[in-house]
Amino acid sequence: MLSKLADELDVSVSDLLGKDEIPVEETDSLAEQLARINEQLSIKNRRSKRIWKTVIILAIIIFLIIPGLTILGGMYMSANLEGANLGFDGSTEWVYSLDGKEYEYRIEYDKNYKIVSTEGDRYIDDNIDIASCKDANEAGRAIETYFDEHGGEEVGKEVQQLPLKE
């Protein structure tokens, strides 16, 4: 507004304010200084943006990726323990084939061959009285005898840690 008034009156703004007129060289030097300051501020802003990006990426790594990898690693390790102090000292798993079908059964037992747990196909539970067996050795013989007598074929047998007595 002051500059418009100065234009109307054909006077400089400095004269209107009662100050000495600023030489053109000084205004050029001020403009150069302001340009340098502006450039320095833009460099500083770019630097601070880069720093913030780095901080955010590090935060993502620390709070998301590392815990995620830790959880996945823990799951992998627990999946590889296979019977390591899980409440039994040995286990035996049988796979038999009878009349074109495969049947699986697993017995877990302690160091005295006392049965800790059993799991497998219902067919075996229905046809062999595992609960009446005094220990895992007797249960194993009962399973093997049943399939031998009925024309079954042993497809596989996996023993972990403590094997059954023959």
Protein backbone atom coordinates (compact mmCIF):
# COMPACT_ATOMS: atom_id res chain seq x y z
CA MET A 1 0.00 0.00 0.00
CA LEU A 2 2.85 2.32 0.86
CA SER A 3 4.52 1.57 -2.46
CA LYS A 4 1.29 2.45 -4.37
CA LEU A 5 1.08 5.76 -2.54
CA ALA A 6 4.74 6.45 -3.36
CA ASP A 7 4.04 5.71 -7.05
CA GLU A 8 1.06 8.08 -7.10
CA LEU A 9 3.12 10.86 -5.55
CA ASP A 10 6.20 10.07 -7.67
CA VAL A 11 8.35 9.71 -4.57
CA SER A 12 10.30 6.82 -3.12
CA VAL A 13 9.04 4.88 -0.12
CA SER A 14 12.12 6.04 1.81
CA ASP A 15 11.13 9.69 1.27
CA LEU A 16 7.61 8.99 2.51
CA LEU A 17 9.03 7.41 5.65
CA GLY A 18 11.49 10.22 6.13
CA LYS A 19 14.56 8.05 5.73
CA ASP A 20 17.48 8.22 3.40
CA GLU A 21 17.07 6.36 0.13
CA ILE A 22 18.73 2.94 -0.02
CA PRO A 23 21.19 2.64 -2.89
CA VAL A 24 20.49 0.02 -5.60
CA GLU A 25 23.81 -1.79 -4.92
CA GLU A 26 22.76 -2.35 -1.33
CA THR A 27 19.43 -3.84 -2.36
CA ASP A 28 21.24 -6.17 -4.77
CA SER A 29 23.58 -7.31 -2.01
CA LEU A 30 20.60 -7.85 0.34
CA ALA A 31 18.86 -9.90 -2.35
CA GLU A 32 21.99 -12.06 -2.76
CA GLN A 33 22.23 -12.61 0.99
CA LEU A 34 18.54 -13.54 1.16
CA ALA A 35 19.02 -15.97 -1.75
CA ARG A 36 21.95 -17.63 0.07
CA ILE A 37 19.95 -17.87 3.30
CA ASN A 38 17.03 -19.36 1.38
CA GLU A 39 19.33 -21.95 -0.24
CA GLN A 40 20.84 -22.89 3.13
CA LEU A 41 17.37 -23.33 4.62
CA SER A 42 16.30 -25.59 1.74
CA ILE A 43 19.46 -27.71 2.22
CA LYS A 44 18.73 -27.92 5.94
CA ASN A 45 15.12 -28.94 5.24
CA ARG A 46 16.24 -31.69 2.83
CA ARG A 47 18.71 -32.94 5.42
CA SER A 48 16.07 -33.03 8.15
CA LYS A 49 13.65 -34.89 5.83
CA ARG A 50 16.34 -37.48 5.16
CA ILE A 51 17.00 -37.84 8.89
CA TRP A 52 13.28 -38.30 9.63
CA LYS A 53 12.96 -40.91 6.88
CA THR A 54 15.89 -42.80 8.38
CA VAL A 55 14.40 -42.59 11.88
CA ILE A 56 11.04 -43.88 10.63
CA ILE A 57 12.64 -46.76 8.73
CA LEU A 58 14.69 -47.72 11.80
CA ALA A 59 11.55 -47.57 13.96
CA ILE A 60 9.75 -49.88 11.53
CA ILE A 61 12.66 -52.31 11.62
CA ILE A 62 12.91 -52.23 15.40
CA PHE A 63 9.20 -52.44 16.19
CA LEU A 64 7.87 -54.63 13.35
CA ILE A 65 10.48 -56.64 11.51
CA ILE A 66 12.69 -57.74 14.43
CA PRO A 67 9.77 -58.95 16.61
CA GLY A 68 8.25 -60.65 13.56
CA LEU A 69 11.47 -62.51 12.83
CA THR A 70 11.82 -63.42 16.50
CA ILE A 71 8.32 -64.89 16.57
CA LEU A 72 8.85 -66.82 13.34
CA GLY A 73 12.22 -68.08 14.58
CA GLY A 74 10.64 -69.23 17.84
CA MET A 75 7.93 -71.08 15.95
CA TYR A 76 10.56 -72.75 13.77
CA MET A 77 12.62 -73.79 16.79
CA SER A 78 9.64 -75.19 18.69
CA ALA A 79 8.61 -77.19 15.63
CA ASN A 80 12.07 -78.82 15.57
CA LEU A 81 12.12 -80.01 19.18
CA GLU A 82 10.52 -83.41 18.38
CA GLY A 83 10.07 -85.07 21.74
CA ALA A 84 12.60 -82.98 23.63
CA ASN A 85 11.30 -83.22 27.18
CA LEU A 86 7.64 -83.30 26.18
CA GLY A 87 6.59 -85.67 28.96
CA PHE A 88 7.69 -88.93 27.36
CA ASP A 89 10.98 -90.76 26.96
CA GLY A 90 10.16 -92.62 23.79
CA SER A 91 7.58 -93.01 21.09
CA THR A 92 6.88 -95.48 18.34
CA GLU A 93 4.68 -94.85 15.32
CA TRP A 94 3.47 -97.61 13.02
CA VAL A 95 2.00 -97.35 9.55
CA TYR A 96 0.22 -100.49 8.30
CA SER A 97 -1.55 -101.24 5.05
CA LEU A 98 -4.60 -103.53 5.15
CA ASP A 99 -7.13 -104.09 2.37
CA GLY A 100 -5.76 -101.14 0.38
CA LYS A 101 -6.01 -98.65 3.27
CA GLU A 102 -3.25 -97.25 5.46
CA TYR A 103 -3.56 -97.03 9.23
CA GLU A 104 -1.29 -95.04 11.54
CA TYR A 105 -0.88 -95.39 15.29
CA ARG A 106 1.48 -93.74 17.76
CA ILE A 107 2.30 -94.68 21.35
CA GLU A 108 4.30 -92.41 23.67
CA TYR A 109 5.79 -93.91 26.82
CA ASP A 110 8.08 -93.13 29.76
CA LYS A 111 11.41 -94.78 30.62
CA ASN A 112 9.58 -97.72 32.29
CA TYR A 113 7.50 -98.23 29.11
CA LYS A 114 4.34 -97.05 30.85
CA ILE A 115 2.02 -95.62 28.17
CA VAL A 116 1.78 -91.82 28.42
CA SER A 117 -0.48 -91.26 25.41
CA THR A 118 -1.79 -92.90 22.28
CA GLU A 119 -3.20 -91.52 19.06
CA GLY A 120 -4.06 -92.83 15.66
CA ASP A 121 -6.71 -94.26 13.41
CA ARG A 122 -10.02 -95.23 15.00
CA TYR A 123 -9.88 -98.61 13.25
CA ILE A 124 -6.97 -99.69 15.47
CA ASP A 125 -8.71 -98.47 18.65
CA ASP A 126 -11.87 -100.38 17.68
CA ASN A 127 -10.08 -103.68 16.92
CA ILE A 128 -7.20 -103.76 19.42
CA ASP A 129 -7.70 -103.19 23.15
CA ILE A 130 -4.66 -100.97 23.78
CA ALA A 131 -6.02 -99.86 27.18
CA SER A 132 -5.76 -103.40 28.56
CA CYS A 133 -2.04 -103.66 27.69
CA LYS A 134 0.21 -103.40 30.75
CA ASP A 135 2.91 -101.40 28.93
CA ALA A 136 4.00 -100.00 25.57
CA ASN A 137 5.90 -103.18 24.65
CA GLU A 138 2.75 -105.28 24.99
CA ALA A 139 0.69 -102.69 23.07
CA GLY A 140 3.25 -102.66 20.26
CA ARG A 141 3.19 -106.47 20.04
CA ALA A 142 -0.63 -106.41 19.99
CA ILE A 143 -0.67 -103.98 17.06
CA GLU A 144 1.93 -105.96 15.12
CA THR A 145 0.19 -109.30 15.84
CA TYR A 146 -3.22 -108.00 14.76
CA PHE A 147 -1.98 -106.79 11.39
CA ASP A 148 0.14 -109.95 10.84
CA GLU A 149 -2.90 -112.18 11.54
CA HIS A 150 -5.18 -110.15 9.25
CA GLY A 151 -2.80 -109.98 6.29
CA GLY A 152 -1.63 -106.43 6.90
CA GLU A 153 1.73 -105.16 5.78
CA GLU A 154 3.98 -102.83 7.76
CA VAL A 155 4.60 -99.76 5.58
CA GLY A 156 6.71 -97.89 8.09
CA LYS A 157 7.80 -97.70 11.68
CA GLU A 158 9.37 -94.69 13.33
CA VAL A 159 10.99 -94.85 16.76
CA GLN A 160 12.04 -91.72 18.63
CA GLN A 161 14.47 -91.84 21.54
CA LEU A 162 13.76 -94.97 23.66
CA PRO A 163 12.92 -97.98 21.42
CA LEU A 164 10.46 -100.69 22.45
CA LYS A 165 11.82 -104.07 23.59
CA GLU A 166 11.40 -106.84 20.99
